[in-house]
Structure formats: structure tokens, C-alpha cells
Amino acid sequence: MHDYNKGKLYVLTVPDNQGDLYNYPPGVWAKIRELVLKDLFVHVDGPSQVALFAYDNKAFIVESFRDQKESVKITTAGNFTKLHDELTGLDLTGRAEKGKTVFDAEILPHSFRVFTAK
């Protein structure tokens, strides 16, 4: 990262074999997601091949392309304290951390979960 004019310039080193991006550890993915998605109301921390699709109506989808069940951490802006799972009808209650709300969720292999932030 480097200050450039009125903005910041970020450089991501990409391996020669772009498929090796999947081998980045979760901590690296967390930092990449934090920087790229900083203006969204929701972030997902988890391994590679776990995707986030956010919509402007406070709904979002977390999808796993992995072969095993994964635990993910979903972080929302502090004014959202519950996540409603649209597929099961259940609510997740989060915990406050540094002005944000954090939820723990599991995503089954090759599946997705649809949430609405409340």
C-alpha cells in the first residue's frame, strides 16, 4: 500500500499460476476482502472459494464452492444485530466487536445460505 495523490495504491502479488490464489491462507483472504469490500455493510471471513453476494436491500448470500463444511465469520455494520436466514426462517444473534456485529455460521459443501440483516 502506498499513498498516491488523494488515494491509495494497493499491489497484490499474483502467482504465475492463478489457480494458486486458492492456496492463500484465510488470513490473507481476510485482508484482501477487508480492503476490497470496505464500503459494504457485510464482510465474510473464511477460506478461499467462499463467496459473498451482497444486495442493496440488506440481503446477501454466502456460497461455498468447497468440498467440505466450512465455518465462516460474518461481520456486519454495528446497527445490524440479527441475521435472518431466509431458507430456514431462523435468526442468528451476533456479538458486538469493535463497533460491528459478528456472527458465526457454517456453510455446507457446494451450497449457499441467504441472509437478511436486521
PDB file of N, CA and C in Angstrom:
ATOM      1  N   MET A   1       0.846  -1.162   0.000  1.00  0.00           N
ATOM      2  CA  MET A   1       0.000   0.000   0.000  1.00  0.00           C
ATOM      3  C   MET A   1       0.887   1.218   0.000  1.00  0.00           C
ATOM      4  N   HIS A   2       0.473   2.215  -0.786  1.00  0.00           N
ATOM      5  CA  HIS A   2       1.223   3.457  -0.846  1.00  0.00           C
ATOM      6  C   HIS A   2       0.255   4.603  -1.138  1.00  0.00           C
ATOM      7  N   ASP A   3       0.445   5.727  -0.455  1.00  0.00           N
ATOM      8  CA  ASP A   3      -0.367   6.909  -0.750  1.00  0.00           C
ATOM      9  C   ASP A   3      -0.015   7.408  -2.143  1.00  0.00           C
ATOM     10  N   TYR A   4      -1.032   7.721  -2.909  1.00  0.00           N
ATOM     11  CA  TYR A   4      -0.824   8.208  -4.274  1.00  0.00           C
ATOM     12  C   TYR A   4      -1.852   9.296  -4.548  1.00  0.00           C
ATOM     13  N   ASN A   5      -1.373  10.528  -4.705  1.00  0.00           N
ATOM     14  CA  ASN A   5      -2.228  11.676  -4.919  1.00  0.00           C
ATOM     15  C   ASN A   5      -3.243  11.739  -3.780  1.00  0.00           C
ATOM     16  N   LYS A   6      -4.552  11.666  -4.049  1.00  0.00           N
ATOM     17  CA  LYS A   6      -5.565  11.724  -2.996  1.00  0.00           C
ATOM     18  C   LYS A   6      -6.088  10.342  -2.624  1.00  0.00           C
ATOM     19  N   GLY A   7      -5.434   9.309  -3.081  1.00  0.00           N
ATOM     20  CA  GLY A   7      -5.897   7.956  -2.817  1.00  0.00           C
ATOM     21  C   GLY A   7      -4.790   7.057  -2.329  1.00  0.00           C
ATOM     22  N   LYS A   8      -5.033   5.778  -2.408  1.00  0.00           N
ATOM     23  CA  LYS A   8      -4.054   4.766  -2.006  1.00  0.00           C
ATOM     24  C   LYS A   8      -3.900   3.774  -3.151  1.00  0.00           C
ATOM     25  N   LEU A   9      -2.696   3.304  -3.329  1.00  0.00           N
ATOM     26  CA  LEU A   9      -2.395   2.318  -4.354  1.00  0.00           C
ATOM     27  C   LEU A   9      -2.071   1.006  -3.646  1.00  0.00           C
ATOM     28  N   TYR A  10      -2.804  -0.045  -4.001  1.00  0.00           N
ATOM     29  CA  TYR A  10      -2.574  -1.363  -3.436  1.00  0.00           C
ATOM     30  C   TYR A  10      -2.024  -2.269  -4.523  1.00  0.00           C
ATOM     31  N   VAL A  11      -1.031  -3.075  -4.176  1.00  0.00           N
ATOM     32  CA  VAL A  11      -0.441  -4.020  -5.123  1.00  0.00           C
ATOM     33  C   VAL A  11      -0.619  -5.418  -4.544  1.00  0.00           C
ATOM     34  N   LEU A  12      -1.206  -6.296  -5.335  1.00  0.00           N
ATOM     35  CA  LEU A  12      -1.390  -7.689  -4.933  1.00  0.00           C
ATOM     36  C   LEU A  12      -0.493  -8.546  -5.806  1.00  0.00           C
ATOM     37  N   THR A  13       0.384  -9.280  -5.168  1.00  0.00           N
ATOM     38  CA  THR A  13       1.262 -10.181  -5.897  1.00  0.00           C
ATOM     39  C   THR A  13       0.468 -11.436  -6.255  1.00  0.00           C
ATOM     40  N   VAL A  14       0.361 -11.697  -7.547  1.00  0.00           N
ATOM     41  CA  VAL A  14      -0.416 -12.833  -8.037  1.00  0.00           C
ATOM     42  C   VAL A  14       0.553 -13.895  -8.536  1.00  0.00           C
ATOM     43  N   PRO A  15       0.371 -15.150  -8.130  1.00  0.00           N
ATOM     44  CA  PRO A  15       1.260 -16.215  -8.599  1.00  0.00           C
ATOM     45  C   PRO A  15       1.166 -16.408 -10.111  1.00  0.00           C
ATOM     46  N   ASP A  16       2.224 -16.966 -10.706  1.00  0.00           N
ATOM     47  CA  ASP A  16       2.216 -17.249 -12.142  1.00  0.00           C
ATOM     48  C   ASP A  16       1.027 -18.130 -12.517  1.00  0.00           C
ATOM     49  N   ASN A  17       0.762 -19.130 -11.696  1.00  0.00           N
ATOM     50  CA  ASN A  17      -0.398 -19.990 -11.899  1.00  0.00           C
ATOM     51  C   ASN A  17      -1.532 -19.395 -11.069  1.00  0.00           C
ATOM     52  N   GLN A  18      -2.487 -18.734 -11.724  1.00  0.00           N
ATOM     53  CA  GLN A  18      -3.536 -18.035 -10.992  1.00  0.00           C
ATOM     54  C   GLN A  18      -4.388 -18.964 -10.136  1.00  0.00           C
ATOM     55  N   GLY A  19      -4.402 -20.244 -10.447  1.00  0.00           N
ATOM     56  CA  GLY A  19      -5.112 -21.219  -9.619  1.00  0.00           C
ATOM     57  C   GLY A  19      -4.529 -21.328  -8.227  1.00  0.00           C
ATOM     58  N   ASP A  20      -3.268 -20.903  -8.066  1.00  0.00           N
ATOM     59  CA  ASP A  20      -2.636 -20.934  -6.747  1.00  0.00           C
ATOM     60  C   ASP A  20      -3.213 -19.876  -5.804  1.00  0.00           C
ATOM     61  N   LEU A  21      -4.010 -18.956  -6.326  1.00  0.00           N
ATOM     62  CA  LEU A  21      -4.686 -17.997  -5.445  1.00  0.00           C
ATOM     63  C   LEU A  21      -5.543 -18.728  -4.413  1.00  0.00           C
ATOM     64  N   TYR A  22      -6.085 -19.881  -4.791  1.00  0.00           N
ATOM     65  CA  TYR A  22      -6.901 -20.665  -3.867  1.00  0.00           C
ATOM     66  C   TYR A  22      -6.089 -21.171  -2.681  1.00  0.00           C
ATOM     67  N   ASN A  23      -4.763 -21.193  -2.805  1.00  0.00           N
ATOM     68  CA  ASN A  23      -3.916 -21.694  -1.734  1.00  0.00           C
ATOM     69  C   ASN A  23      -3.533 -20.619  -0.726  1.00  0.00           C
ATOM     70  N   TYR A  24      -3.941 -19.365  -0.964  1.00  0.00           N
ATOM     71  CA  TYR A  24      -3.653 -18.320   0.025  1.00  0.00           C
ATOM     72  C   TYR A  24      -4.328 -18.692   1.339  1.00  0.00           C
ATOM     73  N   PRO A  25      -3.660 -18.466   2.460  1.00  0.00           N
ATOM     74  CA  PRO A  25      -4.278 -18.786   3.765  1.00  0.00           C
ATOM     75  C   PRO A  25      -5.442 -17.845   4.068  1.00  0.00           C
ATOM     76  N   PRO A  26      -6.356 -18.275   4.945  1.00  0.00           N
ATOM     77  CA  PRO A  26      -7.528 -17.438   5.276  1.00  0.00           C
ATOM     78  C   PRO A  26      -7.164 -16.038   5.754  1.00  0.00           C
ATOM     79  N   GLY A  27      -6.055 -15.877   6.457  1.00  0.00           N
ATOM     80  CA  GLY A  27      -5.652 -14.546   6.918  1.00  0.00           C
ATOM     81  C   GLY A  27      -5.368 -13.585   5.779  1.00  0.00           C
ATOM     82  N   VAL A  28      -4.791 -14.092   4.702  1.00  0.00           N
ATOM     83  CA  VAL A  28      -4.525 -13.261   3.528  1.00  0.00           C
ATOM     84  C   VAL A  28      -5.842 -12.895   2.861  1.00  0.00           C
ATOM     85  N   TRP A  29      -6.745 -13.866   2.737  1.00  0.00           N
ATOM     86  CA  TRP A  29      -8.049 -13.585   2.149  1.00  0.00           C
ATOM     87  C   TRP A  29      -8.812 -12.569   2.994  1.00  0.00           C
ATOM     88  N   ALA A  30      -8.688 -12.652   4.316  1.00  0.00           N
ATOM     89  CA  ALA A  30      -9.376 -11.700   5.189  1.00  0.00           C
ATOM     90  C   ALA A  30      -8.910 -10.276   4.908  1.00  0.00           C
ATOM     91  N   LYS A  31      -7.622 -10.076   4.732  1.00  0.00           N
ATOM     92  CA  LYS A  31      -7.093  -8.737   4.457  1.00  0.00           C
ATOM     93  C   LYS A  31      -7.523  -8.251   3.075  1.00  0.00           C
ATOM     94  N   ILE A  32      -7.478  -9.125   2.079  1.00  0.00           N
ATOM     95  CA  ILE A  32      -7.910  -8.747   0.732  1.00  0.00           C
ATOM     96  C   ILE A  32      -9.385  -8.342   0.755  1.00  0.00           C
ATOM     97  N   ARG A  33     -10.209  -9.157   1.388  1.00  0.00           N
ATOM     98  CA  ARG A  33     -11.642  -8.849   1.460  1.00  0.00           C
ATOM     99  C   ARG A  33     -11.889  -7.549   2.223  1.00  0.00           C
ATOM    100  N   GLU A  34     -11.148  -7.343   3.297  1.00  0.00           N
ATOM    101  CA  GLU A  34     -11.306  -6.114   4.086  1.00  0.00           C
ATOM    102  C   GLU A  34     -11.042  -4.878   3.234  1.00  0.00           C
ATOM    103  N   LEU A  35     -10.000  -4.922   2.431  1.00  0.00           N
ATOM    104  CA  LEU A  35      -9.648  -3.766   1.605  1.00  0.00           C
ATOM    105  C   LEU A  35     -10.603  -3.569   0.438  1.00  0.00           C
ATOM    106  N   VAL A  36     -10.943  -4.648  -0.239  1.00  0.00           N
ATOM    107  CA  VAL A  36     -11.768  -4.545  -1.437  1.00  0.00           C
ATOM    108  C   VAL A  36     -13.235  -4.259  -1.101  1.00  0.00           C
ATOM    109  N   LEU A  37     -13.706  -4.803  -0.003  1.00  0.00           N
ATOM    110  CA  LEU A  37     -15.129  -4.699   0.339  1.00  0.00           C
ATOM    111  C   LEU A  37     -15.405  -3.705   1.458  1.00  0.00           C
ATOM    112  N   LYS A  38     -14.500  -2.774   1.695  1.00  0.00           N
ATOM    113  CA  LYS A  38     -14.614  -1.908   2.868  1.00  0.00           C
ATOM    114  C   LYS A  38     -15.881  -1.057   2.889  1.00  0.00           C
ATOM    115  N   ASP A  39     -16.504  -0.801   1.758  1.00  0.00           N
ATOM    116  CA  ASP A  39     -17.701   0.033   1.722  1.00  0.00           C
ATOM    117  C   ASP A  39     -19.003  -0.757   1.830  1.00  0.00           C
ATOM    118  N   LEU A  40     -18.933  -2.074   1.900  1.00  0.00           N
ATOM    119  CA  LEU A  40     -20.137  -2.896   2.033  1.00  0.00           C
ATOM    120  C   LEU A  40     -20.596  -2.957   3.489  1.00  0.00           C
ATOM    121  N   PHE A  41     -21.861  -3.253   3.701  1.00  0.00           N
ATOM    122  CA  PHE A  41     -22.408  -3.383   5.046  1.00  0.00           C
ATOM    123  C   PHE A  41     -22.087  -4.740   5.672  1.00  0.00           C
ATOM    124  N   VAL A  42     -21.530  -5.662   4.879  1.00  0.00           N
ATOM    125  CA  VAL A  42     -21.255  -7.011   5.368  1.00  0.00           C
ATOM    126  C   VAL A  42     -19.920  -7.502   4.809  1.00  0.00           C
ATOM    127  N   HIS A  43     -19.221  -8.300   5.626  1.00  0.00           N
ATOM    128  CA  HIS A  43     -17.979  -8.958   5.204  1.00  0.00           C
ATOM    129  C   HIS A  43     -18.031 -10.408   5.665  1.00  0.00           C
ATOM    130  N   VAL A  44     -17.364 -11.280   4.943  1.00  0.00           N
ATOM    131  CA  VAL A  44     -17.286 -12.683   5.318  1.00  0.00           C
ATOM    132  C   VAL A  44     -15.822 -13.069   5.427  1.00  0.00           C
ATOM    133  N   ASP A  45     -15.450 -13.634   6.562  1.00  0.00           N
ATOM    134  CA  ASP A  45     -14.100 -14.158   6.752  1.00  0.00           C
ATOM    135  C   ASP A  45     -14.165 -15.675   6.694  1.00  0.00           C
ATOM    136  N   GLY A  46     -13.371 -16.231   5.819  1.00  0.00           N
ATOM    137  CA  GLY A  46     -13.332 -17.676   5.654  1.00  0.00           C
ATOM    138  C   GLY A  46     -12.267 -18.012   4.636  1.00  0.00           C
ATOM    139  N   PRO A  47     -12.151 -19.263   4.286  1.00  0.00           N
ATOM    140  CA  PRO A  47     -11.123 -19.672   3.329  1.00  0.00           C
ATOM    141  C   PRO A  47     -11.472 -19.252   1.904  1.00  0.00           C
ATOM    142  N   SER A  48     -10.569 -19.528   0.999  1.00  0.00           N
ATOM    143  CA  SER A  48     -10.860 -19.272  -0.410  1.00  0.00           C
ATOM    144  C   SER A  48     -12.035 -20.137  -0.837  1.00  0.00           C
ATOM    145  N   GLN A  49     -12.639 -19.793  -1.932  1.00  0.00           N
ATOM    146  CA  GLN A  49     -13.780 -20.497  -2.504  1.00  0.00           C
ATOM    147  C   GLN A  49     -15.037 -20.377  -1.645  1.00  0.00           C
ATOM    148  N   VAL A  50     -15.090 -19.329  -0.814  1.00  0.00           N
ATOM    149  CA  VAL A  50     -16.312 -18.945  -0.114  1.00  0.00           C
ATOM    150  C   VAL A  50     -16.631 -17.538  -0.603  1.00  0.00           C
ATOM    151  N   ALA A  51     -17.791 -17.389  -1.238  1.00  0.00           N
ATOM    152  CA  ALA A  51     -18.128 -16.137  -1.917  1.00  0.00           C
ATOM    153  C   ALA A  51     -19.230 -15.383  -1.190  1.00  0.00           C
ATOM    154  N   LEU A  52     -19.216 -14.079  -1.372  1.00  0.00           N
ATOM    155  CA  LEU A  52     -20.235 -13.194  -0.819  1.00  0.00           C
ATOM    156  C   LEU A  52     -20.900 -12.450  -1.969  1.00  0.00           C
ATOM    157  N   PHE A  53     -22.230 -12.472  -1.986  1.00  0.00           N
ATOM    158  CA  PHE A  53     -23.022 -11.706  -2.945  1.00  0.00           C
ATOM    159  C   PHE A  53     -23.921 -10.782  -2.129  1.00  0.00           C
ATOM    160  N   ALA A  54     -23.637  -9.490  -2.128  1.00  0.00           N
ATOM    161  CA  ALA A  54     -24.396  -8.530  -1.329  1.00  0.00           C
ATOM    162  C   ALA A  54     -25.319  -7.720  -2.221  1.00  0.00           C
ATOM    163  N   TYR A  55     -26.498  -7.422  -1.692  1.00  0.00           N
ATOM    164  CA  TYR A  55     -27.507  -6.672  -2.426  1.00  0.00           C
ATOM    165  C   TYR A  55     -27.823  -5.382  -1.674  1.00  0.00           C
ATOM    166  N   ASP A  56     -28.453  -4.426  -2.351  1.00  0.00           N
ATOM    167  CA  ASP A  56     -28.707  -3.133  -1.741  1.00  0.00           C
ATOM    168  C   ASP A  56     -29.933  -3.110  -0.829  1.00  0.00           C
ATOM    169  N   ASN A  57     -30.612  -4.235  -0.654  1.00  0.00           N
ATOM    170  CA  ASN A  57     -31.766  -4.304   0.242  1.00  0.00           C
ATOM    171  C   ASN A  57     -31.402  -4.988   1.565  1.00  0.00           C
ATOM    172  N   LYS A  58     -30.116  -4.998   1.903  1.00  0.00           N
ATOM    173  CA  LYS A  58     -29.567  -5.589   3.141  1.00  0.00           C
ATOM    174  C   LYS A  58     -29.662  -7.108   3.151  1.00  0.00           C
ATOM    175  N   ALA A  59     -29.835  -7.704   1.994  1.00  0.00           N
ATOM    176  CA  ALA A  59     -29.804  -9.155   1.851  1.00  0.00           C
ATOM    177  C   ALA A  59     -28.459  -9.539   1.251  1.00  0.00           C
ATOM    178  N   PHE A  60     -28.006 -10.751   1.553  1.00  0.00           N
ATOM    179  CA  PHE A  60     -26.762 -11.242   0.981  1.00  0.00           C
ATOM    180  C   PHE A  60     -26.753 -12.756   0.984  1.00  0.00           C
ATOM    181  N   ILE A  61     -25.908 -13.305   0.134  1.00  0.00           N
ATOM    182  CA  ILE A  61     -25.753 -14.748   0.002  1.00  0.00           C
ATOM    183  C   ILE A  61     -24.305 -15.091   0.299  1.00  0.00           C
ATOM    184  N   VAL A  62     -24.093 -16.132   1.089  1.00  0.00           N
ATOM    185  CA  VAL A  62     -22.767 -16.692   1.310  1.00  0.00           C
ATOM    186  C   VAL A  62     -22.785 -18.070   0.658  1.00  0.00           C
ATOM    187  N   GLU A  63     -21.896 -18.277  -0.318  1.00  0.00           N
ATOM    188  CA  GLU A  63     -21.880 -19.531  -1.063  1.00  0.00           C
ATOM    189  C   GLU A  63     -20.520 -20.199  -0.944  1.00  0.00           C
ATOM    190  N   SER A  64     -20.542 -21.508  -0.764  1.00  0.00           N
ATOM    191  CA  SER A  64     -19.313 -22.285  -0.664  1.00  0.00           C
ATOM    192  C   SER A  64     -19.150 -23.150  -1.905  1.00  0.00           C
ATOM    193  N   PHE A  65     -17.972 -23.066  -2.488  1.00  0.00           N
ATOM    194  CA  PHE A  65     -17.610 -23.916  -3.614  1.00  0.00           C
ATOM    195  C   PHE A  65     -16.636 -24.997  -3.163  1.00  0.00           C
ATOM    196  N   ARG A  66     -16.527 -25.188  -1.862  1.00  0.00           N
ATOM    197  CA  ARG A  66     -15.572 -26.128  -1.292  1.00  0.00           C
ATOM    198  C   ARG A  66     -16.198 -27.519  -1.162  1.00  0.00           C
ATOM    199  N   ASP A  67     -15.337 -28.512  -0.922  1.00  0.00           N
ATOM    200  CA  ASP A  67     -15.786 -29.903  -0.811  1.00  0.00           C
ATOM    201  C   ASP A  67     -16.123 -30.318   0.609  1.00  0.00           C
ATOM    202  N   GLN A  68     -15.929 -29.448   1.581  1.00  0.00           N
ATOM    203  CA  GLN A  68     -16.227 -29.777   2.969  1.00  0.00           C
ATOM    204  C   GLN A  68     -16.969 -28.612   3.620  1.00  0.00           C
ATOM    205  N   LYS A  69     -17.618 -28.914   4.749  1.00  0.00           N
ATOM    206  CA  LYS A  69     -18.330 -27.890   5.503  1.00  0.00           C
ATOM    207  C   LYS A  69     -17.310 -26.871   6.023  1.00  0.00           C
ATOM    208  N   GLU A  70     -17.683 -25.592   5.991  1.00  0.00           N
ATOM    209  CA  GLU A  70     -16.783 -24.536   6.439  1.00  0.00           C
ATOM    210  C   GLU A  70     -17.466 -23.647   7.469  1.00  0.00           C
ATOM    211  N   SER A  71     -16.703 -23.245   8.457  1.00  0.00           N
ATOM    212  CA  SER A  71     -17.159 -22.239   9.414  1.00  0.00           C
ATOM    213  C   SER A  71     -16.698 -20.882   8.915  1.00  0.00           C
ATOM    214  N   VAL A  72     -17.604 -19.929   8.901  1.00  0.00           N
ATOM    215  CA  VAL A  72     -17.271 -18.583   8.457  1.00  0.00           C
ATOM    216  C   VAL A  72     -17.709 -17.594   9.518  1.00  0.00           C
ATOM    217  N   LYS A  73     -17.080 -16.445   9.481  1.00  0.00           N
ATOM    218  CA  LYS A  73     -17.426 -15.349  10.374  1.00  0.00           C
ATOM    219  C   LYS A  73     -18.028 -14.248   9.500  1.00  0.00           C
ATOM    220  N   ILE A  74     -19.249 -13.873   9.797  1.00  0.00           N
ATOM    221  CA  ILE A  74     -19.938 -12.821   9.062  1.00  0.00           C
ATOM    222  C   ILE A  74     -19.942 -11.574   9.937  1.00  0.00           C
ATOM    223  N   THR A  75     -19.445 -10.475   9.401  1.00  0.00           N
ATOM    224  CA  THR A  75     -19.364  -9.222  10.144  1.00  0.00           C
ATOM    225  C   THR A  75     -20.235  -8.184   9.463  1.00  0.00           C
ATOM    226  N   THR A  76     -21.117  -7.550  10.241  1.00  0.00           N
ATOM    227  CA  THR A  76     -21.985  -6.515   9.697  1.00  0.00           C
ATOM    228  C   THR A  76     -21.718  -5.196  10.406  1.00  0.00           C
ATOM    229  N   ALA A  77     -22.210  -4.122   9.807  1.00  0.00           N
ATOM    230  CA  ALA A  77     -22.148  -2.820  10.461  1.00  0.00           C
ATOM    231  C   ALA A  77     -22.848  -2.932  11.814  1.00  0.00           C
ATOM    232  N   GLY A  78     -22.440  -2.141  12.763  1.00  0.00           N
ATOM    233  CA  GLY A  78     -22.912  -2.259  14.144  1.00  0.00           C
ATOM    234  C   GLY A  78     -24.401  -2.109  14.342  1.00  0.00           C
ATOM    235  N   ASN A  79     -25.112  -1.450  13.420  1.00  0.00           N
ATOM    236  CA  ASN A  79     -26.549  -1.256  13.607  1.00  0.00           C
ATOM    237  C   ASN A  79     -27.361  -2.509  13.279  1.00  0.00           C
ATOM    238  N   PHE A  80     -26.739  -3.548  12.750  1.00  0.00           N
ATOM    239  CA  PHE A  80     -27.426  -4.816  12.498  1.00  0.00           C
ATOM    240  C   PHE A  80     -27.051  -5.794  13.615  1.00  0.00           C
ATOM    241  N   THR A  81     -28.043  -6.292  14.334  1.00  0.00           N
ATOM    242  CA  THR A  81     -27.773  -7.184  15.460  1.00  0.00           C
ATOM    243  C   THR A  81     -28.257  -8.605  15.232  1.00  0.00           C
ATOM    244  N   LYS A  82     -29.039  -8.816  14.170  1.00  0.00           N
ATOM    245  CA  LYS A  82     -29.544 -10.156  13.853  1.00  0.00           C
ATOM    246  C   LYS A  82     -29.420 -10.397  12.356  1.00  0.00           C
ATOM    247  N   LEU A  83     -29.263 -11.666  12.027  1.00  0.00           N
ATOM    248  CA  LEU A  83     -29.325 -12.109  10.639  1.00  0.00           C
ATOM    249  C   LEU A  83     -30.469 -13.094  10.531  1.00  0.00           C
ATOM    250  N   HIS A  84     -31.347 -12.860   9.570  1.00  0.00           N
ATOM    251  CA  HIS A  84     -32.454 -13.779   9.331  1.00  0.00           C
ATOM    252  C   HIS A  84     -32.071 -14.694   8.173  1.00  0.00           C
ATOM    253  N   ASP A  85     -32.059 -15.996   8.436  1.00  0.00           N
ATOM    254  CA  ASP A  85     -31.766 -16.983   7.392  1.00  0.00           C
ATOM    255  C   ASP A  85     -33.050 -17.201   6.599  1.00  0.00           C
ATOM    256  N   GLU A  86     -33.058 -16.754   5.359  1.00  0.00           N
ATOM    257  CA  GLU A  86     -34.258 -16.802   4.537  1.00  0.00           C
ATOM    258  C   GLU A  86     -34.649 -18.226   4.140  1.00  0.00           C
ATOM    259  N   LEU A  87     -33.715 -19.164   4.187  1.00  0.00           N
ATOM    260  CA  LEU A  87     -34.031 -20.543   3.791  1.00  0.00           C
ATOM    261  C   LEU A  87     -34.620 -21.355   4.938  1.00  0.00           C
ATOM    262  N   THR A  88     -34.145 -21.126   6.164  1.00  0.00           N
ATOM    263  CA  THR A  88     -34.637 -21.895   7.308  1.00  0.00           C
ATOM    264  C   THR A  88     -35.646 -21.125   8.148  1.00  0.00           C
ATOM    265  N   GLY A  89     -35.653 -19.792   8.014  1.00  0.00           N
ATOM    266  CA  GLY A  89     -36.542 -18.964   8.828  1.00  0.00           C
ATOM    267  C   GLY A  89     -36.000 -18.651  10.210  1.00  0.00           C
ATOM    268  N   LEU A  90     -34.802 -19.129  10.521  1.00  0.00           N
ATOM    269  CA  LEU A  90     -34.198 -18.905  11.837  1.00  0.00           C
ATOM    270  C   LEU A  90     -33.401 -17.609  11.848  1.00  0.00           C
ATOM    271  N   ASP A  91     -33.234 -17.047  13.044  1.00  0.00           N
ATOM    272  CA  ASP A  91     -32.414 -15.850  13.224  1.00  0.00           C
ATOM    273  C   ASP A  91     -31.113 -16.213  13.907  1.00  0.00           C
ATOM    274  N   LEU A  92     -30.034 -15.578  13.471  1.00  0.00           N
ATOM    275  CA  LEU A  92     -28.742 -15.682  14.139  1.00  0.00           C
ATOM    276  C   LEU A  92     -28.534 -14.417  14.948  1.00  0.00           C
ATOM    277  N   THR A  93     -28.056 -14.578  16.169  1.00  0.00           N
ATOM    278  CA  THR A  93     -27.733 -13.429  17.006  1.00  0.00           C
ATOM    279  C   THR A  93     -26.223 -13.311  17.069  1.00  0.00           C
ATOM    280  N   GLY A  94     -25.741 -12.106  16.877  1.00  0.00           N
ATOM    281  CA  GLY A  94     -24.301 -11.883  16.859  1.00  0.00           C
ATOM    282  C   GLY A  94     -23.785 -11.316  18.160  1.00  0.00           C
ATOM    283  N   ARG A  95     -22.513 -11.030  18.163  1.00  0.00           N
ATOM    284  CA  ARG A  95     -21.856 -10.428  19.321  1.00  0.00           C
ATOM    285  C   ARG A  95     -21.161  -9.147  18.862  1.00  0.00           C
ATOM    286  N   ALA A  96     -21.157  -8.165  19.721  1.00  0.00           N
ATOM    287  CA  ALA A  96     -20.548  -6.879  19.394  1.00  0.00           C
ATOM    288  C   ALA A  96     -19.031  -6.972  19.508  1.00  0.00           C
ATOM    289  N   GLU A  97     -18.339  -6.467  18.483  1.00  0.00           N
ATOM    290  CA  GLU A  97     -16.878  -6.407  18.475  1.00  0.00           C
ATOM    291  C   GLU A  97     -16.442  -5.155  17.734  1.00  0.00           C
ATOM    292  N   LYS A  98     -15.809  -4.225  18.429  1.00  0.00           N
ATOM    293  CA  LYS A  98     -15.226  -3.025  17.806  1.00  0.00           C
ATOM    294  C   LYS A  98     -16.227  -2.262  16.944  1.00  0.00           C
ATOM    295  N   GLY A  99     -17.424  -2.040  17.463  1.00  0.00           N
ATOM    296  CA  GLY A  99     -18.419  -1.262  16.745  1.00  0.00           C
ATOM    297  C   GLY A  99     -19.122  -2.003  15.621  1.00  0.00           C
ATOM    298  N   LYS A 100     -18.877  -3.298  15.493  1.00  0.00           N
ATOM    299  CA  LYS A 100     -19.524  -4.117  14.463  1.00  0.00           C
ATOM    300  C   LYS A 100     -20.172  -5.318  15.142  1.00  0.00           C
ATOM    301  N   THR A 101     -20.969  -6.043  14.403  1.00  0.00           N
ATOM    302  CA  THR A 101     -21.594  -7.248  14.934  1.00  0.00           C
ATOM    303  C   THR A 101     -21.062  -8.451  14.168  1.00  0.00           C
ATOM    304  N   VAL A 102     -20.643  -9.476  14.914  1.00  0.00           N
ATOM    305  CA  VAL A 102     -20.028 -10.662  14.319  1.00  0.00           C
ATOM    306  C   VAL A 102     -20.926 -11.878  14.563  1.00  0.00           C
ATOM    307  N   PHE A 103     -21.136 -12.647  13.503  1.00  0.00           N
ATOM    308  CA  PHE A 103     -21.963 -13.852  13.553  1.00  0.00           C
ATOM    309  C   PHE A 103     -21.120 -15.038  13.110  1.00  0.00           C
ATOM    310  N   ASP A 104     -21.317 -16.180  13.735  1.00  0.00           N
ATOM    311  CA  ASP A 104     -20.658 -17.416  13.314  1.00  0.00           C
ATOM    312  C   ASP A 104     -21.674 -18.267  12.566  1.00  0.00           C
ATOM    313  N   ALA A 105     -21.268 -18.788  11.417  1.00  0.00           N
ATOM    314  CA  ALA A 105     -22.171 -19.598  10.609  1.00  0.00           C
ATOM    315  C   ALA A 105     -21.387 -20.726   9.962  1.00  0.00           C
ATOM    316  N   GLU A 106     -22.097 -21.766   9.600  1.00  0.00           N
ATOM    317  CA  GLU A 106     -21.495 -22.879   8.865  1.00  0.00           C
ATOM    318  C   GLU A 106     -22.167 -22.979   7.501  1.00  0.00           C
ATOM    319  N   ILE A 107     -21.344 -23.260   6.502  1.00  0.00           N
ATOM    320  CA  ILE A 107     -21.828 -23.414   5.137  1.00  0.00           C
ATOM    321  C   ILE A 107     -21.497 -24.832   4.690  1.00  0.00           C
ATOM    322  N   LEU A 108     -22.492 -25.557   4.249  1.00  0.00           N
ATOM    323  CA  LEU A 108     -22.285 -26.932   3.793  1.00  0.00           C
ATOM    324  C   LEU A 108     -21.561 -26.941   2.444  1.00  0.00           C
ATOM    325  N   PRO A 109     -20.947 -28.057   2.081  1.00  0.00           N
ATOM    326  CA  PRO A 109     -20.229 -28.123   0.799  1.00  0.00           C
ATOM    327  C   PRO A 109     -21.145 -27.818  -0.387  1.00  0.00           C
ATOM    328  N   HIS A 110     -20.642 -27.049  -1.324  1.00  0.00           N
ATOM    329  CA  HIS A 110     -21.345 -26.738  -2.576  1.00  0.00           C
ATOM    330  C   HIS A 110     -22.775 -26.280  -2.330  1.00  0.00           C
ATOM    331  N   SER A 111     -22.941 -25.369  -1.366  1.00  0.00           N
ATOM    332  CA  SER A 111     -24.270 -24.864  -1.055  1.00  0.00           C
ATOM    333  C   SER A 111     -24.183 -23.375  -0.731  1.00  0.00           C
ATOM    334  N   PHE A 112     -25.312 -22.794  -0.408  1.00  0.00           N
ATOM    335  CA  PHE A 112     -25.346 -21.380  -0.079  1.00  0.00           C
ATOM    336  C   PHE A 112     -26.369 -21.134   1.015  1.00  0.00           C
ATOM    337  N   ARG A 113     -26.219 -19.961   1.654  1.00  0.00           N
ATOM    338  CA  ARG A 113     -27.182 -19.504   2.646  1.00  0.00           C
ATOM    339  C   ARG A 113     -27.545 -18.074   2.291  1.00  0.00           C
ATOM    340  N   VAL A 114     -28.825 -17.759   2.457  1.00  0.00           N
ATOM    341  CA  VAL A 114     -29.338 -16.426   2.142  1.00  0.00           C
ATOM    342  C   VAL A 114     -29.741 -15.759   3.456  1.00  0.00           C
ATOM    343  N   PHE A 115     -29.204 -14.565   3.687  1.00  0.00           N
ATOM    344  CA  PHE A 115     -29.466 -13.834   4.924  1.00  0.00           C
ATOM    345  C   PHE A 115     -30.013 -12.452   4.627  1.00  0.00           C
ATOM    346  N   THR A 116     -30.768 -11.936   5.584  1.00  0.00           N
ATOM    347  CA  THR A 116     -31.168 -10.531   5.597  1.00  0.00           C
ATOM    348  C   THR A 116     -30.696  -9.957   6.916  1.00  0.00           C
ATOM    349  N   ALA A 117     -30.005  -8.813   6.852  1.00  0.00           N
ATOM    350  CA  ALA A 117     -29.518  -8.158   8.068  1.00  0.00           C
ATOM    351  C   ALA A 117     -30.644  -7.357   8.687  1.00  0.00           C
ATOM    352  N   LYS A 118     -30.808  -7.494  10.004  1.00  0.00           N
ATOM    353  CA  LYS A 118     -31.874  -6.786  10.739  1.00  0.00           C
ATOM    354  C   LYS A 118     -31.291  -6.017  11.900  1.00  0.00           C
TER     355      LYS A 118
END
